[in-house]
Amino acid sequence: MRFGNLRPSEPSDNAALLELFASVPMSGSLVLSARRDPDFFRLYAIQRGIPECWVYERAGRIAGSGTVLVRDGWLEGRAARVGYLGDLRSSFGASRERGLVGVYGAVIEDTIRRHGCERFLTAVLSTNALAIQTLVRRRAARATQPRYTPFRRFAMVSIQFAGRRRWHRAACRTRRATAQDVPAIVSLLDRDHRQRPFGYRFDQGEFEHRLEHWPGMTLDRTYVAVDRDGRLLGITSAWDAAAVRRYRVLGYRGLMRWTQLAWNLPAGVLGYPPLPEPGQDFRYLYLCNTSIENDRPEVLRALIETIYADFRGSGFHFFSLCVYEGDPLAPALSGFLTRRLDFQLYIVTRAQEADDRLPEGRPGFEMALA
């Protein structure tokens, strides 16, 4: 089905979509582009659910894209179909075309009708003024456009691998997970996500699926925190997503030029990798499958310290995790050298359906997939 110049993507669109993503950078003092080669669609293929990538054509070429992924999840403690909207990219001209904005609502309505999806979640970079102006702000001329309701602010906090650190005495014992830990891990993730808006169905094999289908996701890179009796207190996985997504440096601007120079000079002596030159990729890890019983920051701290010690000196520049506004886990990051990118999560509904019943709790949002 087509909606004007918007149509479902096809496998033959792979090269054009890779080019589109590489050509629409994240700009600022550090200019980055997202790379998904060689297979743009692999990031969708590793996930459970129904992914639908849409492309916008102009003059016979792909000028924009966006993806809807519908999956089974949790809302208000009950099973529900939920969706995520992501990978929105467009050339400057396409982003301002009325035809593209005008059919967006029709795509959402069609998705709801076909898949029974109740709510959608999406993340927008807080500094992306064009996206906020185009998608979020409402006006009479966009009456049919889906409604964006602010839900949660969060930061992608990156802990930089720098010098050696002295650790405080840990509040619990940490180690790499084994096959014997899987039942307890699944039980903790399931209990946690049942209470989360947009939680994942770990009761239906989500964790096992990730181990089998996410390239590089292993028990050996999954860390557990346990008390002295061996009871599981927390879990997180350090995932290298390079097989499905990388970030390439296009340039350093302003203060970041001097930051790169100051950072790189002692890098070899202190045992951490220099920042990439333009044309090179960052090497990084995401913390996924993160669940800390009772949101105890000292438990997350112990896991972070273990990951830092294990991966420092292995060529990675940093590892990233999601920290929400007012997050009780935020104290776990105290004392680390960090950088942050601020985002806003929105709940997206039909144009005529305002969602004033904002659910409480930590969202079931996997930043590594966004």
Protein backbone atom coordinates (compact mmCIF):
# COMPACT_ATOMS: atom_id res chain seq x y z
CA MET A 1 0.00 0.00 0.00
CA ARG A 2 1.21 3.50 -0.83
CA PHE A 3 0.32 6.83 0.73
CA GLY A 4 1.20 9.42 -1.88
CA ASN A 5 4.96 9.28 -2.34
CA LEU A 6 5.37 7.18 0.82
CA ARG A 7 5.67 3.43 0.32
CA PRO A 8 6.94 0.34 2.19
CA SER A 9 10.63 -0.26 1.68
CA GLU A 10 11.97 -3.17 -0.36
CA PRO A 11 15.24 -5.13 -0.07
CA SER A 12 16.46 -3.34 -3.20
CA ASP A 13 16.34 -0.04 -1.24
CA ASN A 14 19.28 -1.13 0.92
CA ALA A 15 21.98 0.93 -0.82
CA ALA A 16 19.83 4.07 -1.01
CA LEU A 17 18.89 3.86 2.68
CA LEU A 18 22.52 3.37 3.69
CA GLU A 19 23.42 6.44 1.67
CA LEU A 20 20.57 8.49 3.19
CA PHE A 21 21.62 7.66 6.75
CA ALA A 22 25.28 8.41 6.05
CA SER A 23 24.38 11.76 4.47
CA VAL A 24 22.20 13.12 7.32
CA PRO A 25 24.65 13.70 10.18
CA MET A 26 24.13 14.54 13.83
CA SER A 27 25.62 18.01 13.95
CA GLY A 28 27.16 19.92 16.82
CA SER A 29 30.66 20.34 18.17
CA LEU A 30 31.09 16.66 17.27
CA VAL A 31 29.70 15.76 13.83
CA LEU A 32 28.67 12.10 13.50
CA SER A 33 26.93 9.95 10.93
CA ALA A 34 25.15 6.65 11.58
CA ARG A 35 26.43 3.69 9.57
CA ARG A 36 24.39 0.53 9.05
CA ASP A 37 26.34 -1.12 6.22
CA PRO A 38 26.40 -3.63 4.77
CA ASP A 39 22.75 -4.45 5.62
CA PHE A 40 20.45 -1.57 6.60
CA PHE A 41 17.65 -3.95 7.58
CA ARG A 42 19.65 -6.20 9.90
CA LEU A 43 18.91 -4.05 12.97
CA TYR A 44 15.22 -4.84 12.45
CA ALA A 45 15.82 -8.50 11.69
CA ILE A 46 17.42 -9.18 15.08
CA GLN A 47 14.37 -7.88 16.96
CA ARG A 48 11.15 -9.65 17.78
CA GLY A 49 7.99 -8.07 16.46
CA ILE A 50 6.89 -6.66 13.13
CA PRO A 51 9.17 -4.00 11.59
CA GLU A 52 7.87 -1.84 8.76
CA CYS A 53 10.25 0.60 7.14
CA TRP A 54 8.70 3.32 4.97
CA VAL A 55 10.51 5.40 2.36
CA TYR A 56 9.57 8.74 0.85
CA GLU A 57 10.35 9.20 -2.83
CA ARG A 58 10.99 12.44 -4.63
CA ALA A 59 11.94 12.64 -8.30
CA GLY A 60 12.46 8.88 -8.31
CA ARG A 61 14.94 8.91 -5.42
CA ILE A 62 14.58 8.06 -1.73
CA ALA A 63 14.58 11.36 0.16
CA GLY A 64 13.27 10.21 3.54
CA SER A 65 12.56 7.20 5.72
CA GLY A 66 10.95 6.11 8.96
CA THR A 67 10.26 2.82 10.69
CA VAL A 68 7.43 1.43 12.80
CA LEU A 69 8.15 -1.64 14.91
CA VAL A 70 5.18 -3.31 16.62
CA ARG A 71 5.72 -5.92 19.33
CA ASP A 72 4.09 -7.57 22.31
CA GLY A 73 4.68 -5.65 25.52
CA TRP A 74 3.19 -4.33 28.75
CA LEU A 75 1.07 -1.25 29.44
CA GLU A 76 -0.29 -0.46 32.89
CA GLY A 77 0.59 -3.99 34.03
CA ARG A 78 -1.37 -5.73 31.27
CA ALA A 79 -0.28 -7.38 28.04
CA ALA A 80 -0.63 -5.07 25.04
CA ARG A 81 0.59 -4.44 21.54
CA VAL A 82 3.02 -1.51 21.60
CA GLY A 83 5.05 0.23 18.96
CA TYR A 84 8.24 2.20 18.49
CA LEU A 85 8.77 4.90 15.85
CA GLY A 86 12.36 5.42 14.81
CA ASP A 87 14.97 5.91 12.12
CA LEU A 88 13.33 9.10 10.90
CA ARG A 89 15.65 10.63 8.33
CA SER A 90 15.07 13.05 5.49
CA SER A 91 16.93 15.40 3.24
CA PHE A 92 16.39 19.06 4.14
CA GLY A 93 13.91 19.60 1.33
CA ALA A 94 11.88 16.48 2.05
CA SER A 95 11.49 17.37 5.73
CA ARG A 96 9.51 20.47 4.73
CA GLU A 97 7.25 18.92 2.13
CA ARG A 98 3.56 19.03 3.01
CA GLY A 99 2.97 15.76 1.19
CA LEU A 100 5.19 13.87 3.59
CA VAL A 101 3.69 15.44 6.72
CA GLY A 102 0.18 14.98 5.38
CA VAL A 103 0.36 11.20 4.97
CA TYR A 104 2.10 10.49 8.28
CA GLY A 105 -1.21 10.28 10.13
CA ALA A 106 -2.60 7.85 7.57
CA VAL A 107 0.35 5.49 8.10
CA ILE A 108 -0.20 5.48 11.88
CA GLU A 109 -3.94 4.88 11.46
CA ASP A 110 -3.23 2.01 9.07
CA THR A 111 -0.71 0.48 11.47
CA ILE A 112 -3.20 0.64 14.36
CA ARG A 113 -5.87 -0.98 12.21
CA ARG A 114 -3.66 -3.82 10.99
CA HIS A 115 -1.70 -4.60 14.17
CA GLY A 116 -3.92 -3.48 17.04
CA CYS A 117 -1.14 -1.32 18.45
CA GLU A 118 -2.38 0.92 21.27
CA ARG A 119 0.49 3.34 21.82
CA PHE A 120 3.79 4.21 20.19
CA LEU A 121 7.00 5.39 21.81
CA THR A 122 9.64 7.53 20.14
CA ALA A 123 12.79 9.40 21.15
CA VAL A 124 13.82 12.82 19.83
CA LEU A 125 17.18 14.47 20.44
CA SER A 126 16.50 17.52 22.61
CA THR A 127 18.53 19.79 20.31
CA ASN A 128 16.74 18.59 17.14
CA ALA A 129 14.72 21.76 16.66
CA LEU A 130 13.54 20.76 13.18
CA ALA A 131 12.03 17.46 14.38
CA ILE A 132 10.33 19.18 17.32
CA GLN A 133 8.95 21.89 15.05
CA THR A 134 7.76 19.43 12.40
CA LEU A 135 6.45 16.57 14.51
CA VAL A 136 5.62 17.79 18.00
CA ARG A 137 4.18 21.30 17.70
CA ARG A 138 0.58 21.25 16.64
CA ARG A 139 -1.20 23.65 14.31
CA ALA A 140 -4.41 23.73 12.33
CA ALA A 141 -2.66 22.83 9.07
CA ARG A 142 -1.49 19.56 10.67
CA ALA A 143 -4.77 18.44 12.19
CA THR A 144 -4.36 14.88 10.90
CA GLN A 145 -0.79 14.50 12.14
CA PRO A 146 -0.22 12.07 15.05
CA ARG A 147 -0.14 13.60 18.50
CA TYR A 148 3.15 13.67 20.44
CA THR A 149 2.82 13.81 24.23
CA PRO A 150 6.02 14.38 26.27
CA PHE A 151 6.63 11.31 28.42
CA ARG A 152 10.14 11.12 29.92
CA ARG A 153 13.39 13.01 29.54
CA PHE A 154 16.51 10.89 29.44
CA ALA A 155 20.20 11.16 28.69
CA MET A 156 22.44 8.77 26.85
CA VAL A 157 25.34 8.92 29.30
CA SER A 158 28.67 7.66 27.99
CA ILE A 159 31.30 6.61 30.51
CA GLN A 160 34.71 7.24 28.98
CA PHE A 161 37.46 4.68 29.33
CA ALA A 162 40.32 6.75 30.73
CA GLY A 163 42.91 6.08 33.43
CA ARG A 164 42.97 3.38 36.06
CA ARG A 165 40.54 3.84 38.92
CA ARG A 166 40.48 2.97 42.57
CA TRP A 167 37.24 1.29 43.50
CA HIS A 168 35.37 1.57 46.75
CA ARG A 169 34.42 -1.64 48.49
CA ALA A 170 31.51 -3.04 46.49
CA ALA A 171 28.12 -3.44 48.14
CA CYS A 172 27.69 -6.82 46.44
CA ARG A 173 29.60 -9.40 44.44
CA THR A 174 29.69 -9.19 40.65
CA ARG A 175 30.66 -11.76 38.02
CA ARG A 176 29.97 -12.82 34.46
CA ALA A 177 26.74 -14.74 33.96
CA THR A 178 26.57 -18.46 33.24
CA ALA A 179 23.88 -20.70 31.78
CA GLN A 180 22.83 -21.59 35.34
CA ASP A 181 21.95 -17.93 35.94
CA VAL A 182 19.48 -17.67 33.04
CA PRO A 183 16.30 -18.69 34.96
CA ALA A 184 17.00 -16.11 37.70
CA ILE A 185 17.91 -13.46 35.12
CA VAL A 186 14.69 -14.04 33.18
CA SER A 187 12.66 -13.97 36.40
CA LEU A 188 14.14 -10.60 37.43
CA LEU A 189 13.70 -9.06 33.97
CA ASP A 190 10.14 -10.35 33.76
CA ARG A 191 9.13 -8.97 37.18
CA ASP A 192 10.68 -5.64 36.32
CA HIS A 193 9.24 -5.23 32.82
CA ARG A 194 5.70 -6.20 33.80
CA GLN A 195 5.63 -2.96 35.78
CA ARG A 196 7.16 -0.84 33.04
CA PRO A 197 5.15 1.06 30.44
CA PHE A 198 6.19 -0.41 27.07
CA GLY A 199 7.95 -3.25 28.93
CA TYR A 200 9.34 -6.22 27.00
CA ARG A 201 7.86 -9.74 27.21
CA PHE A 202 10.73 -11.49 28.95
CA ASP A 203 8.20 -14.13 29.97
CA GLN A 204 8.01 -15.06 26.28
CA GLY A 205 11.71 -15.68 25.68
CA GLU A 206 12.97 -12.15 25.00
CA PHE A 207 16.28 -12.64 26.82
CA GLU A 208 16.95 -15.98 25.15
CA HIS A 209 16.11 -14.43 21.78
CA ARG A 210 18.66 -11.67 22.32
CA LEU A 211 21.37 -14.17 23.20
CA GLU A 212 20.64 -16.12 20.02
CA HIS A 213 20.01 -13.33 17.52
CA TRP A 214 21.84 -10.18 18.64
CA PRO A 215 25.37 -10.42 17.19
CA GLY A 216 27.86 -10.19 20.03
CA MET A 217 25.27 -10.55 22.81
CA THR A 218 26.61 -13.32 25.06
CA LEU A 219 26.41 -14.56 28.62
CA ASP A 220 30.15 -13.92 28.87
CA ARG A 221 29.42 -10.20 28.40
CA THR A 222 26.40 -10.29 30.71
CA TYR A 223 27.13 -9.33 34.30
CA VAL A 224 25.20 -10.20 37.43
CA ALA A 225 25.35 -8.75 40.92
CA VAL A 226 24.54 -11.14 43.78
CA ASP A 227 24.41 -10.90 47.55
CA ARG A 228 26.43 -13.11 49.89
CA ASP A 229 23.74 -15.80 49.64
CA GLY A 230 23.93 -15.82 45.85
CA ARG A 231 20.58 -14.06 45.33
CA LEU A 232 20.41 -12.02 42.14
CA LEU A 233 20.31 -8.26 42.78
CA GLY A 234 20.93 -6.87 39.31
CA ILE A 235 21.93 -7.59 35.73
CA THR A 236 23.28 -5.77 32.71
CA SER A 237 24.85 -6.82 29.39
CA ALA A 238 27.70 -5.00 27.65
CA TRP A 239 26.77 -5.16 23.95
CA ASP A 240 28.94 -4.18 21.01
CA ALA A 241 26.42 -3.19 18.34
CA ALA A 242 28.99 -2.62 15.57
CA ALA A 243 27.54 -5.41 13.42
CA VAL A 244 24.26 -3.48 13.04
CA ARG A 245 25.12 0.15 13.81
CA ARG A 246 28.23 2.33 14.10
CA TYR A 247 28.90 6.05 14.51
CA ARG A 248 31.53 7.64 12.29
CA VAL A 249 33.26 10.91 13.07
CA LEU A 250 32.89 13.45 10.29
CA GLY A 251 34.55 16.33 12.10
CA TYR A 252 35.35 18.17 15.31
CA ARG A 253 34.27 21.78 15.76
CA GLY A 254 35.07 24.53 18.21
CA LEU A 255 36.09 23.35 21.65
CA MET A 256 35.92 19.68 20.56
CA ARG A 257 38.99 20.22 18.35
CA TRP A 258 41.03 21.14 21.41
CA THR A 259 39.37 18.42 23.46
CA GLN A 260 40.45 15.81 20.93
CA LEU A 261 44.02 17.08 20.98
CA ALA A 262 44.19 17.21 24.80
CA TRP A 263 42.62 13.75 25.08
CA ASN A 264 44.82 12.07 22.50
CA LEU A 265 48.21 13.34 23.68
CA PRO A 266 48.45 11.16 26.82
CA ALA A 267 46.26 8.32 25.50
CA GLY A 268 49.04 5.86 24.75
CA VAL A 269 50.83 6.47 28.05
CA LEU A 270 47.68 6.14 30.16
CA GLY A 271 46.38 3.09 28.30
CA TYR A 272 43.20 4.31 26.64
CA PRO A 273 42.46 4.69 22.90
CA PRO A 274 42.70 8.11 21.21
CA LEU A 275 39.53 9.70 19.89
CA PRO A 276 38.90 8.73 16.24
CA GLU A 277 40.09 10.91 13.41
CA PRO A 278 37.49 12.11 10.87
CA GLY A 279 36.48 9.12 8.77
CA GLN A 280 36.98 6.67 11.64
CA ASP A 281 34.36 5.03 13.86
CA PHE A 282 33.91 5.15 17.60
CA ARG A 283 34.15 1.80 19.37
CA TYR A 284 31.65 1.57 22.19
CA LEU A 285 29.35 -0.68 24.19
CA TYR A 286 25.72 -0.32 25.19
CA LEU A 287 24.46 -1.50 28.56
CA CYS A 288 21.36 -3.58 27.72
CA ASN A 289 19.08 -5.91 29.69
CA THR A 290 19.64 -3.64 32.66
CA SER A 291 17.49 -4.41 35.68
CA ILE A 292 18.37 -3.49 39.25
CA GLU A 293 16.11 -4.77 41.99
CA ASN A 294 14.57 -1.89 43.98
CA ASP A 295 16.61 0.59 41.90
CA ARG A 296 19.60 0.37 44.24
CA PRO A 297 22.35 2.61 42.80
CA GLU A 298 25.10 0.81 44.71
CA VAL A 299 24.26 -2.39 42.80
CA LEU A 300 24.47 -0.67 39.42
CA ARG A 301 27.68 1.00 40.58
CA ALA A 302 29.26 -2.38 41.30
CA LEU A 303 28.30 -3.63 37.83
CA ILE A 304 29.64 -0.48 36.13
CA GLU A 305 32.94 -0.71 37.98
CA THR A 306 33.35 -4.34 36.90
CA ILE A 307 32.63 -3.52 33.25
CA TYR A 308 35.02 -0.57 33.35
CA ALA A 309 37.80 -2.75 34.73
CA ASP A 310 37.14 -5.59 32.27
CA PHE A 311 37.01 -3.49 29.08
CA ARG A 312 39.47 -0.70 29.82
CA GLY A 313 42.44 -1.18 27.51
CA SER A 314 40.51 -3.35 25.04
CA GLY A 315 40.13 -0.65 22.38
CA PHE A 316 36.68 0.67 23.30
CA HIS A 317 36.27 4.41 23.76
CA PHE A 318 33.26 4.34 26.09
CA PHE A 319 30.13 2.49 27.16
CA SER A 320 26.67 4.05 27.29
CA LEU A 321 23.56 3.67 29.39
CA CYS A 322 20.18 5.36 29.65
CA VAL A 323 19.62 7.68 32.64
CA TYR A 324 16.19 9.24 33.17
CA GLU A 325 15.40 12.62 34.67
CA GLY A 326 15.23 12.11 38.44
CA ASP A 327 16.55 8.57 38.06
CA PRO A 328 17.29 6.91 41.43
CA LEU A 329 20.11 5.01 39.70
CA ALA A 330 21.94 8.20 38.66
CA PRO A 331 24.24 8.29 41.73
CA ALA A 332 25.88 5.10 40.39
CA LEU A 333 27.74 7.25 37.83
CA SER A 334 29.33 9.62 40.33
CA GLY A 335 33.06 10.15 39.81
CA PHE A 336 33.27 8.75 36.26
CA LEU A 337 34.31 10.86 33.29
CA THR A 338 31.10 11.10 31.26
CA ARG A 339 29.51 12.79 28.27
CA ARG A 340 25.76 13.01 27.73
CA LEU A 341 23.23 13.51 24.95
CA ASP A 342 19.79 14.63 26.08
CA PHE A 343 16.60 13.19 24.58
CA GLN A 344 12.86 13.42 25.09
CA LEU A 345 10.66 10.34 24.94
CA TYR A 346 7.18 10.93 23.51
CA ILE A 347 4.05 8.81 23.48
CA VAL A 348 2.52 8.98 20.01
CA THR A 349 -1.20 8.47 19.41
CA ARG A 350 -3.83 9.23 16.78
CA ALA A 351 -4.28 12.91 15.95
CA GLN A 352 -7.64 13.08 17.73
CA GLU A 353 -6.56 11.04 20.74
CA ALA A 354 -4.78 13.04 23.44
CA ASP A 355 -3.03 10.75 25.93
CA ASP A 356 -3.28 12.51 29.29
CA ARG A 357 -2.95 9.23 31.23
CA LEU A 358 0.82 9.14 31.23
CA PRO A 359 1.94 5.84 32.75
CA GLU A 360 4.33 5.83 35.67
CA GLY A 361 7.56 3.91 36.05
CA ARG A 362 10.77 3.36 34.13
CA PRO A 363 9.90 2.80 30.45
CA GLY A 364 10.61 -0.48 28.70
CA PHE A 365 12.92 1.34 26.34
CA GLU A 366 16.09 -0.24 24.94
CA MET A 367 18.28 2.66 23.95
CA ALA A 368 20.59 0.45 21.90
CA LEU A 369 17.74 -0.21 19.44
CA ALA A 370 16.54 3.38 19.11
